[in-house]
Amino acid sequence: LSIIWGSSFILIKKGLIGLTDYQVGALRIVLTSFFLFSVGFKSLKEIKKKHWAWVVISGFVSSFFPPFLFAMAQNHIDSAIASILNSLTPLATVAVGILLFKIFSTKRQLAGVVIGLVGTVFLILVGVELNPNQNYGYSFLIIIASLGYALNVNIIKKHLQDISALAVTTGNFVFIVVPALIILYMSGFFETIFHSKEMQTSFGYVAILSLFGTAIAKVIFNRLVQISSPVFASSVTYTMPIVALGWGMVDGESFTLLQGVAAAIILIGVYMANKRYKTD
């Protein structure tokens, strides 16, 4: 799972060579939808009337907006930095749980959130200093995406516990595939894809990203949660950036000691935020 998700960032980067950020985001949603519908359409019968509103909200905050936000951000910052910022998701989950869902958190978790935020600010400031040609203001798009993931986790925990993960995920894409198709059509994708070799190559990268990085990875993660403890499943947060950093360096991205220190601070915060699961 770390290899698949850790490779997602470099695939987004390669997709952006021949496609716009809107095309990458929309195409990722459309291709993932086709795969999920082929294997999970029958599971939709599990979703009752009381669930649908939460399924729709869950779909937009976790599966519709994030693909666009990541693609837009990676037009301006390195894929390795994007992967580290994505590690904020567990911290955001704790914060959203406290603020919106009144889910109890320990002092250690709250300290972890603060430490993680300090590391994030440090990482962004170091990046601005070392890479003046990159616009680190776009880092906040990834933070917004992480908040969407966090909101989704809390929604599933509180309102969608009694239906399968496959049903939830497939239901998400039922509502977001149409607006994604509209965006893809309006972007001029269908008019130019057959005449541009560069777009076709990027399409291949996004297809791999959609099949493995979105659809299959979600199935694997849900299964991992079922057969192990939450702390083990969440360990992907620690190892995923290592894979992404490796791909970034292979692709010529620079990564300094100060950025490594900032990343370590973030991961320490994530570790502390997950500490309550040690008893599982």
C-alpha atoms as a PDB file:
ATOM      1  CA  LEU A   1       0.000   0.000   0.000  1.00  0.00           C
ATOM      2  CA  SER A   2       2.891   2.354   0.766  1.00  0.00           C
ATOM      3  CA  ILE A   3       4.412   1.614  -2.636  1.00  0.00           C
ATOM      4  CA  ILE A   4       1.111   2.271  -4.441  1.00  0.00           C
ATOM      5  CA  TRP A   5       0.160   5.464  -2.592  1.00  0.00           C
ATOM      6  CA  GLY A   6       3.735   6.665  -2.377  1.00  0.00           C
ATOM      7  CA  SER A   7       3.956   6.382  -6.172  1.00  0.00           C
ATOM      8  CA  SER A   8       0.758   8.379  -6.712  1.00  0.00           C
ATOM      9  CA  PHE A   9       2.514  11.732  -6.462  1.00  0.00           C
ATOM     10  CA  ILE A  10       5.034  11.042  -9.218  1.00  0.00           C
ATOM     11  CA  LEU A  11       2.181   9.707 -11.411  1.00  0.00           C
ATOM     12  CA  ILE A  12       0.292  12.980 -10.893  1.00  0.00           C
ATOM     13  CA  LYS A  13       3.458  14.859 -11.836  1.00  0.00           C
ATOM     14  CA  LYS A  14       3.853  12.819 -15.042  1.00  0.00           C
ATOM     15  CA  GLY A  15       0.176  13.261 -15.836  1.00  0.00           C
ATOM     16  CA  LEU A  16       0.571  17.027 -15.648  1.00  0.00           C
ATOM     17  CA  ILE A  17       3.177  17.010 -18.431  1.00  0.00           C
ATOM     18  CA  GLY A  18       0.571  16.524 -21.150  1.00  0.00           C
ATOM     19  CA  LEU A  19      -2.668  17.302 -19.307  1.00  0.00           C
ATOM     20  CA  THR A  20      -3.970  20.296 -17.369  1.00  0.00           C
ATOM     21  CA  ASP A  21      -4.624  20.041 -13.632  1.00  0.00           C
ATOM     22  CA  TYR A  22      -8.384  19.972 -14.256  1.00  0.00           C
ATOM     23  CA  GLN A  23      -7.976  17.175 -16.799  1.00  0.00           C
ATOM     24  CA  VAL A  24      -5.843  15.104 -14.436  1.00  0.00           C
ATOM     25  CA  GLY A  25      -8.351  15.503 -11.590  1.00  0.00           C
ATOM     26  CA  ALA A  26     -11.433  14.812 -13.705  1.00  0.00           C
ATOM     27  CA  LEU A  27      -9.871  11.912 -15.604  1.00  0.00           C
ATOM     28  CA  ARG A  28      -8.772  10.282 -12.357  1.00  0.00           C
ATOM     29  CA  ILE A  29     -12.344  10.382 -11.055  1.00  0.00           C
ATOM     30  CA  VAL A  30     -13.918   9.129 -14.294  1.00  0.00           C
ATOM     31  CA  LEU A  31     -11.530   6.184 -14.742  1.00  0.00           C
ATOM     32  CA  THR A  32     -11.807   5.191 -11.080  1.00  0.00           C
ATOM     33  CA  SER A  33     -15.618   5.305 -11.377  1.00  0.00           C
ATOM     34  CA  PHE A  34     -15.638   2.858 -14.282  1.00  0.00           C
ATOM     35  CA  PHE A  35     -13.514   0.389 -12.327  1.00  0.00           C
ATOM     36  CA  LEU A  36     -15.547   0.674  -9.114  1.00  0.00           C
ATOM     37  CA  PHE A  37     -18.879   0.349 -10.921  1.00  0.00           C
ATOM     38  CA  SER A  38     -17.676  -2.864 -12.581  1.00  0.00           C
ATOM     39  CA  VAL A  39     -16.894  -4.526  -9.231  1.00  0.00           C
ATOM     40  CA  GLY A  40     -19.053  -2.725  -6.677  1.00  0.00           C
ATOM     41  CA  PHE A  41     -22.346  -1.791  -8.349  1.00  0.00           C
ATOM     42  CA  LYS A  42     -24.256  -4.607  -6.606  1.00  0.00           C
ATOM     43  CA  SER A  43     -23.093  -3.336  -3.208  1.00  0.00           C
ATOM     44  CA  LEU A  44     -25.161  -0.144  -3.651  1.00  0.00           C
ATOM     45  CA  LYS A  45     -28.238  -2.017  -2.399  1.00  0.00           C
ATOM     46  CA  GLU A  46     -26.685  -1.884   1.083  1.00  0.00           C
ATOM     47  CA  ILE A  47     -27.111   1.906   1.138  1.00  0.00           C
ATOM     48  CA  LYS A  48     -30.404   2.925   2.758  1.00  0.00           C
ATOM     49  CA  LYS A  49     -32.242   6.231   2.413  1.00  0.00           C
ATOM     50  CA  LYS A  50     -30.771   7.522   5.704  1.00  0.00           C
ATOM     51  CA  HIS A  51     -27.244   6.976   4.370  1.00  0.00           C
ATOM     52  CA  TRP A  52     -27.376   8.746   1.021  1.00  0.00           C
ATOM     53  CA  ALA A  53     -26.885  12.338   2.205  1.00  0.00           C
ATOM     54  CA  TRP A  54     -23.730  11.334   4.098  1.00  0.00           C
ATOM     55  CA  VAL A  55     -22.518   9.231   1.158  1.00  0.00           C
ATOM     56  CA  VAL A  56     -22.835  12.282  -1.122  1.00  0.00           C
ATOM     57  CA  ILE A  57     -20.965  14.557   1.317  1.00  0.00           C
ATOM     58  CA  SER A  58     -18.328  11.883   1.836  1.00  0.00           C
ATOM     59  CA  GLY A  59     -17.855  11.540  -1.919  1.00  0.00           C
ATOM     60  CA  PHE A  60     -17.295  15.217  -2.579  1.00  0.00           C
ATOM     61  CA  VAL A  61     -14.937  15.917   0.349  1.00  0.00           C
ATOM     62  CA  SER A  62     -12.795  12.780  -0.106  1.00  0.00           C
ATOM     63  CA  SER A  63     -12.963  11.788  -3.765  1.00  0.00           C
ATOM     64  CA  PHE A  64     -14.040  14.798  -5.843  1.00  0.00           C
ATOM     65  CA  PHE A  65     -12.155  17.863  -4.601  1.00  0.00           C
ATOM     66  CA  PRO A  66      -8.816  16.252  -3.518  1.00  0.00           C
ATOM     67  CA  PRO A  67      -7.801  14.984  -7.023  1.00  0.00           C
ATOM     68  CA  PHE A  68      -8.155  18.534  -8.368  1.00  0.00           C
ATOM     69  CA  LEU A  69      -6.430  20.108  -5.360  1.00  0.00           C
ATOM     70  CA  PHE A  70      -3.427  17.778  -5.582  1.00  0.00           C
ATOM     71  CA  ALA A  71      -3.060  18.296  -9.325  1.00  0.00           C
ATOM     72  CA  MET A  72      -3.291  22.091  -8.947  1.00  0.00           C
ATOM     73  CA  ALA A  73      -0.730  22.073  -6.121  1.00  0.00           C
ATOM     74  CA  GLN A  74       1.730  19.849  -7.952  1.00  0.00           C
ATOM     75  CA  ASN A  75       1.810  22.297 -10.820  1.00  0.00           C
ATOM     76  CA  HIS A  76       3.776  24.506  -8.422  1.00  0.00           C
ATOM     77  CA  ILE A  77       5.547  22.308  -5.829  1.00  0.00           C
ATOM     78  CA  ASP A  78       7.562  19.068  -5.946  1.00  0.00           C
ATOM     79  CA  SER A  79       5.798  15.710  -5.666  1.00  0.00           C
ATOM     80  CA  ALA A  80       7.945  14.723  -2.651  1.00  0.00           C
ATOM     81  CA  ILE A  81       6.828  17.815  -0.703  1.00  0.00           C
ATOM     82  CA  ALA A  82       3.202  17.085  -1.621  1.00  0.00           C
ATOM     83  CA  SER A  83       3.533  13.576  -0.144  1.00  0.00           C
ATOM     84  CA  ILE A  84       4.897  14.909   3.143  1.00  0.00           C
ATOM     85  CA  LEU A  85       2.110  17.478   3.437  1.00  0.00           C
ATOM     86  CA  ASN A  86      -0.397  14.690   2.772  1.00  0.00           C
ATOM     87  CA  SER A  87       0.877  13.032   5.971  1.00  0.00           C
ATOM     88  CA  LEU A  88      -1.092  15.687   7.860  1.00  0.00           C
ATOM     89  CA  THR A  89      -4.302  13.691   7.295  1.00  0.00           C
ATOM     90  CA  PRO A  90      -4.216  11.856  10.678  1.00  0.00           C
ATOM     91  CA  LEU A  91      -3.621  15.158  12.442  1.00  0.00           C
ATOM     92  CA  ALA A  92      -6.513  16.737  10.557  1.00  0.00           C
ATOM     93  CA  THR A  93      -8.666  13.746  11.504  1.00  0.00           C
ATOM     94  CA  VAL A  94      -8.063  14.397  15.199  1.00  0.00           C
ATOM     95  CA  ALA A  95      -8.748  18.138  14.799  1.00  0.00           C
ATOM     96  CA  VAL A  96     -11.969  17.633  12.808  1.00  0.00           C
ATOM     97  CA  GLY A  97     -13.128  14.960  15.247  1.00  0.00           C
ATOM     98  CA  ILE A  98     -12.699  17.362  18.155  1.00  0.00           C
ATOM     99  CA  LEU A  99     -14.196  20.458  16.517  1.00  0.00           C
ATOM    100  CA  LEU A 100     -17.113  19.019  14.529  1.00  0.00           C
ATOM    101  CA  PHE A 101     -17.903  15.578  15.929  1.00  0.00           C
ATOM    102  CA  LYS A 102     -17.031  15.996  19.624  1.00  0.00           C
ATOM    103  CA  ILE A 103     -14.837  12.899  19.511  1.00  0.00           C
ATOM    104  CA  PHE A 104     -12.654  12.655  22.610  1.00  0.00           C
ATOM    105  CA  SER A 105      -8.912  13.073  22.161  1.00  0.00           C
ATOM    106  CA  THR A 106      -6.041  12.810  24.607  1.00  0.00           C
ATOM    107  CA  LYS A 107      -3.576  15.544  25.546  1.00  0.00           C
ATOM    108  CA  ARG A 108      -0.910  13.551  23.716  1.00  0.00           C
ATOM    109  CA  GLN A 109      -2.978  13.687  20.518  1.00  0.00           C
ATOM    110  CA  LEU A 110      -3.536  17.433  20.859  1.00  0.00           C
ATOM    111  CA  ALA A 111       0.206  17.897  21.370  1.00  0.00           C
ATOM    112  CA  GLY A 112       0.761  15.820  18.232  1.00  0.00           C
ATOM    113  CA  VAL A 113      -1.501  18.124  16.223  1.00  0.00           C
ATOM    114  CA  VAL A 114       0.414  21.197  17.404  1.00  0.00           C
ATOM    115  CA  ILE A 115       3.808  19.581  16.664  1.00  0.00           C
ATOM    116  CA  GLY A 116       2.608  18.517  13.215  1.00  0.00           C
ATOM    117  CA  LEU A 117       1.438  22.035  12.405  1.00  0.00           C
ATOM    118  CA  VAL A 118       4.796  23.459  13.530  1.00  0.00           C
ATOM    119  CA  GLY A 119       6.547  20.990  11.216  1.00  0.00           C
ATOM    120  CA  THR A 120       4.256  21.985   8.346  1.00  0.00           C
ATOM    121  CA  VAL A 121       4.978  25.696   8.737  1.00  0.00           C
ATOM    122  CA  PHE A 122       8.706  24.908   8.955  1.00  0.00           C
ATOM    123  CA  LEU A 123       8.558  22.752   5.804  1.00  0.00           C
ATOM    124  CA  ILE A 124       6.774  25.480   3.830  1.00  0.00           C
ATOM    125  CA  LEU A 125       9.137  28.235   5.022  1.00  0.00           C
ATOM    126  CA  VAL A 126      12.215  26.150   4.180  1.00  0.00           C
ATOM    127  CA  GLY A 127      10.750  25.385   0.760  1.00  0.00           C
ATOM    128  CA  VAL A 128      10.115  29.048   0.039  1.00  0.00           C
ATOM    129  CA  GLU A 129      13.719  29.848   0.960  1.00  0.00           C
ATOM    130  CA  LEU A 130      15.335  26.991  -1.007  1.00  0.00           C
ATOM    131  CA  ASN A 131      13.047  26.983  -4.053  1.00  0.00           C
ATOM    132  CA  PRO A 132      12.078  30.592  -4.802  1.00  0.00           C
ATOM    133  CA  ASN A 133      10.902  29.490  -8.251  1.00  0.00           C
ATOM    134  CA  GLN A 134       8.166  27.345  -6.676  1.00  0.00           C
ATOM    135  CA  ASN A 135       4.989  28.866  -5.260  1.00  0.00           C
ATOM    136  CA  TYR A 136       4.590  27.261  -1.832  1.00  0.00           C
ATOM    137  CA  GLY A 137       1.319  29.088  -1.332  1.00  0.00           C
ATOM    138  CA  TYR A 138      -0.195  26.147  -3.209  1.00  0.00           C
ATOM    139  CA  SER A 139       0.805  23.900  -0.293  1.00  0.00           C
ATOM    140  CA  PHE A 140      -2.408  24.989   1.385  1.00  0.00           C
ATOM    141  CA  LEU A 141      -4.419  23.195  -1.313  1.00  0.00           C
ATOM    142  CA  ILE A 142      -2.969  19.908  -0.048  1.00  0.00           C
ATOM    143  CA  ILE A 143      -3.795  20.891   3.523  1.00  0.00           C
ATOM    144  CA  ILE A 144      -7.392  21.552   2.410  1.00  0.00           C
ATOM    145  CA  ALA A 145      -7.468  18.118   0.745  1.00  0.00           C
ATOM    146  CA  SER A 146      -6.206  16.557   3.988  1.00  0.00           C
ATOM    147  CA  LEU A 147      -9.064  18.242   5.853  1.00  0.00           C
ATOM    148  CA  GLY A 148     -11.452  16.680   3.327  1.00  0.00           C
ATOM    149  CA  TYR A 149      -9.992  13.230   3.983  1.00  0.00           C
ATOM    150  CA  ALA A 150     -10.275  13.862   7.716  1.00  0.00           C
ATOM    151  CA  LEU A 151     -13.905  14.930   7.427  1.00  0.00           C
ATOM    152  CA  ASN A 152     -14.616  11.779   5.422  1.00  0.00           C
ATOM    153  CA  VAL A 153     -13.075   9.492   8.054  1.00  0.00           C
ATOM    154  CA  ASN A 154     -15.203  11.055  10.773  1.00  0.00           C
ATOM    155  CA  ILE A 155     -18.367  10.868   8.642  1.00  0.00           C
ATOM    156  CA  ILE A 156     -17.819   7.159   7.989  1.00  0.00           C
ATOM    157  CA  LYS A 157     -17.040   6.525  11.655  1.00  0.00           C
ATOM    158  CA  LYS A 158     -20.174   8.278  12.905  1.00  0.00           C
ATOM    159  CA  HIS A 159     -22.777   7.794  10.151  1.00  0.00           C
ATOM    160  CA  LEU A 160     -21.770   5.010   7.747  1.00  0.00           C
ATOM    161  CA  GLN A 161     -20.475   2.266  10.005  1.00  0.00           C
ATOM    162  CA  ASP A 162     -23.243  -0.185   9.152  1.00  0.00           C
ATOM    163  CA  ILE A 163     -22.527  -0.516   5.415  1.00  0.00           C
ATOM    164  CA  SER A 164     -19.500  -1.987   3.680  1.00  0.00           C
ATOM    165  CA  ALA A 165     -16.541   0.133   2.602  1.00  0.00           C
ATOM    166  CA  LEU A 166     -17.063  -0.975  -1.009  1.00  0.00           C
ATOM    167  CA  ALA A 167     -20.669   0.275  -0.908  1.00  0.00           C
ATOM    168  CA  VAL A 168     -19.588   3.628   0.540  1.00  0.00           C
ATOM    169  CA  THR A 169     -16.809   4.090  -2.015  1.00  0.00           C
ATOM    170  CA  THR A 170     -18.950   3.058  -4.980  1.00  0.00           C
ATOM    171  CA  GLY A 171     -21.787   5.284  -3.746  1.00  0.00           C
ATOM    172  CA  ASN A 172     -19.340   8.199  -3.528  1.00  0.00           C
ATOM    173  CA  PHE A 173     -18.455   7.915  -7.195  1.00  0.00           C
ATOM    174  CA  VAL A 174     -22.082   7.589  -8.353  1.00  0.00           C
ATOM    175  CA  PHE A 175     -22.529  11.269  -7.527  1.00  0.00           C
ATOM    176  CA  ILE A 176     -19.159  12.680  -8.538  1.00  0.00           C
ATOM    177  CA  VAL A 177     -18.636  10.954 -11.901  1.00  0.00           C
ATOM    178  CA  VAL A 178     -21.127  13.191 -13.765  1.00  0.00           C
ATOM    179  CA  PRO A 179     -19.624  16.558 -12.719  1.00  0.00           C
ATOM    180  CA  ALA A 180     -16.161  15.095 -13.412  1.00  0.00           C
ATOM    181  CA  LEU A 181     -17.259  14.089 -16.922  1.00  0.00           C
ATOM    182  CA  ILE A 182     -18.643  17.584 -17.529  1.00  0.00           C
ATOM    183  CA  ILE A 183     -15.364  19.183 -16.407  1.00  0.00           C
ATOM    184  CA  LEU A 184     -13.368  16.766 -18.587  1.00  0.00           C
ATOM    185  CA  TYR A 185     -15.550  17.587 -21.610  1.00  0.00           C
ATOM    186  CA  MET A 186     -15.362  21.349 -21.048  1.00  0.00           C
ATOM    187  CA  SER A 187     -11.553  21.159 -20.717  1.00  0.00           C
ATOM    188  CA  GLY A 188     -11.299  20.125 -24.383  1.00  0.00           C
ATOM    189  CA  PHE A 189      -9.861  16.721 -23.476  1.00  0.00           C
ATOM    190  CA  PHE A 190     -11.900  14.723 -26.007  1.00  0.00           C
ATOM    191  CA  GLU A 191     -11.087  17.150 -28.819  1.00  0.00           C
ATOM    192  CA  THR A 192      -7.311  16.895 -28.434  1.00  0.00           C
ATOM    193  CA  ILE A 193      -6.444  13.515 -26.877  1.00  0.00           C
ATOM    194  CA  PHE A 194      -6.381  11.702 -30.236  1.00  0.00           C
ATOM    195  CA  HIS A 195      -3.995  14.223 -31.791  1.00  0.00           C
ATOM    196  CA  SER A 196      -1.406  14.648 -29.027  1.00  0.00           C
ATOM    197  CA  LYS A 197       1.190  11.985 -28.205  1.00  0.00           C
ATOM    198  CA  GLU A 198       2.098  13.881 -25.026  1.00  0.00           C
ATOM    199  CA  MET A 199      -1.512  13.787 -23.824  1.00  0.00           C
ATOM    200  CA  GLN A 200      -1.772  10.087 -24.611  1.00  0.00           C
ATOM    201  CA  THR A 201       1.359   9.340 -22.587  1.00  0.00           C
ATOM    202  CA  SER A 202       0.030  11.363 -19.657  1.00  0.00           C
ATOM    203  CA  PHE A 203      -3.318   9.573 -20.017  1.00  0.00           C
ATOM    204  CA  GLY A 204      -1.458   6.306 -19.432  1.00  0.00           C
ATOM    205  CA  TYR A 205       0.053   7.610 -16.192  1.00  0.00           C
ATOM    206  CA  VAL A 206      -3.341   8.831 -14.937  1.00  0.00           C
ATOM    207  CA  ALA A 207      -4.941   5.486 -15.884  1.00  0.00           C
ATOM    208  CA  ILE A 208      -2.360   3.661 -13.741  1.00  0.00           C
ATOM    209  CA  LEU A 209      -2.964   6.175 -10.947  1.00  0.00           C
ATOM    210  CA  SER A 210      -6.748   5.677 -11.137  1.00  0.00           C
ATOM    211  CA  LEU A 211      -6.667   1.887 -11.153  1.00  0.00           C
ATOM    212  CA  PHE A 212      -3.992   1.326  -8.533  1.00  0.00           C
ATOM    213  CA  GLY A 213      -3.611   4.576  -6.611  1.00  0.00           C
ATOM    214  CA  THR A 214      -7.319   5.213  -6.111  1.00  0.00           C
ATOM    215  CA  ALA A 215      -9.563   2.186  -6.680  1.00  0.00           C
ATOM    216  CA  ILE A 216      -7.407  -0.828  -5.741  1.00  0.00           C
ATOM    217  CA  ALA A 217      -5.546   1.035  -2.976  1.00  0.00           C
ATOM    218  CA  LYS A 218      -8.825   1.865  -1.223  1.00  0.00           C
ATOM    219  CA  VAL A 219      -9.879  -1.787  -1.318  1.00  0.00           C
ATOM    220  CA  ILE A 220      -6.490  -2.882   0.057  1.00  0.00           C
ATOM    221  CA  PHE A 221      -6.583  -0.283   2.828  1.00  0.00           C
ATOM    222  CA  ASN A 222     -10.104  -1.239   3.903  1.00  0.00           C
ATOM    223  CA  ARG A 223      -9.069  -4.890   4.005  1.00  0.00           C
ATOM    224  CA  LEU A 224      -5.936  -3.982   5.975  1.00  0.00           C
ATOM    225  CA  VAL A 225      -8.048  -2.246   8.597  1.00  0.00           C
ATOM    226  CA  GLN A 226     -10.248  -5.351   8.864  1.00  0.00           C
ATOM    227  CA  ILE A 227      -7.423  -7.872   9.379  1.00  0.00           C
ATOM    228  CA  SER A 228      -5.113  -5.732  11.554  1.00  0.00           C
ATOM    229  CA  SER A 229      -5.183  -2.952  14.121  1.00  0.00           C
ATOM    230  CA  PRO A 230      -5.748   0.732  13.340  1.00  0.00           C
ATOM    231  CA  VAL A 231      -2.197   1.570  14.404  1.00  0.00           C
ATOM    232  CA  PHE A 232      -0.764  -0.941  11.917  1.00  0.00           C
ATOM    233  CA  ALA A 233      -3.015   0.303   9.109  1.00  0.00           C
ATOM    234  CA  SER A 234      -2.092   3.916   9.818  1.00  0.00           C
ATOM    235  CA  SER A 235       1.621   3.058   9.549  1.00  0.00           C
ATOM    236  CA  VAL A 236       1.258   3.724   5.797  1.00  0.00           C
ATOM    237  CA  THR A 237       1.383   7.398   6.801  1.00  0.00           C
ATOM    238  CA  TYR A 238       4.988   6.993   7.914  1.00  0.00           C
ATOM    239  CA  THR A 239       6.294   4.896   5.030  1.00  0.00           C
ATOM    240  CA  MET A 240       4.436   6.464   2.095  1.00  0.00           C
ATOM    241  CA  PRO A 241       6.572   9.649   1.969  1.00  0.00           C
ATOM    242  CA  ILE A 242       9.737   7.514   1.825  1.00  0.00           C
ATOM    243  CA  VAL A 243       8.534   5.974  -1.439  1.00  0.00           C
ATOM    244  CA  ALA A 244       7.462   9.381  -2.786  1.00  0.00           C
ATOM    245  CA  LEU A 245      10.826  10.923  -1.852  1.00  0.00           C
ATOM    246  CA  GLY A 246      12.615   8.105  -3.675  1.00  0.00           C
ATOM    247  CA  TRP A 247      10.610   8.695  -6.847  1.00  0.00           C
ATOM    248  CA  GLY A 248      11.160  12.446  -6.551  1.00  0.00           C
ATOM    249  CA  MET A 249      14.918  12.068  -6.318  1.00  0.00           C
ATOM    250  CA  VAL A 250      14.957   9.667  -9.267  1.00  0.00           C
ATOM    251  CA  ASP A 251      13.061  12.333 -11.210  1.00  0.00           C
ATOM    252  CA  GLY A 252      15.590  15.024 -10.289  1.00  0.00           C
ATOM    253  CA  GLU A 253      13.836  16.737  -7.399  1.00  0.00           C
ATOM    254  CA  SER A 254      16.038  18.183  -4.649  1.00  0.00           C
ATOM    255  CA  PHE A 255      15.502  17.441  -0.969  1.00  0.00           C
ATOM    256  CA  THR A 256      17.610  19.085   1.721  1.00  0.00           C
ATOM    257  CA  LEU A 257      18.504  18.259   5.320  1.00  0.00           C
ATOM    258  CA  LEU A 258      16.298  21.095   6.621  1.00  0.00           C
ATOM    259  CA  GLN A 259      13.332  19.705   4.691  1.00  0.00           C
ATOM    260  CA  GLY A 260      14.125  16.304   6.195  1.00  0.00           C
ATOM    261  CA  VAL A 261      14.044  17.817   9.683  1.00  0.00           C
ATOM    262  CA  ALA A 262      10.667  19.440   8.946  1.00  0.00           C
ATOM    263  CA  ALA A 263       9.321  16.116   7.624  1.00  0.00           C
ATOM    264  CA  ALA A 264      10.539  14.343  10.774  1.00  0.00           C
ATOM    265  CA  ILE A 265       8.735  16.901  12.980  1.00  0.00           C
ATOM    266  CA  ILE A 266       5.501  16.294  11.046  1.00  0.00           C
ATOM    267  CA  LEU A 267       5.811  12.507  11.388  1.00  0.00           C
ATOM    268  CA  ILE A 268       6.507  12.792  15.128  1.00  0.00           C
ATOM    269  CA  GLY A 269       3.286  14.760  15.418  1.00  0.00           C
ATOM    270  CA  VAL A 270       1.417  12.106  13.413  1.00  0.00           C
ATOM    271  CA  TYR A 271       2.836   9.368  15.660  1.00  0.00           C
ATOM    272  CA  MET A 272       1.658  11.168  18.790  1.00  0.00           C
ATOM    273  CA  ALA A 273      -1.783  11.796  17.270  1.00  0.00           C
ATOM    274  CA  ASN A 274      -2.162   8.049  16.645  1.00  0.00           C
ATOM    275  CA  LYS A 275      -0.933   7.082  20.120  1.00  0.00           C
ATOM    276  CA  ARG A 276      -4.354   6.233  21.554  1.00  0.00           C
ATOM    277  CA  TYR A 277      -4.606   3.208  19.281  1.00  0.00           C
ATOM    278  CA  LYS A 278      -1.728   1.498  21.047  1.00  0.00           C
ATOM    279  CA  THR A 279      -4.173  -0.518  23.127  1.00  0.00           C
ATOM    280  CA  ASP A 280      -5.877  -2.032  20.022  1.00  0.00           C
END
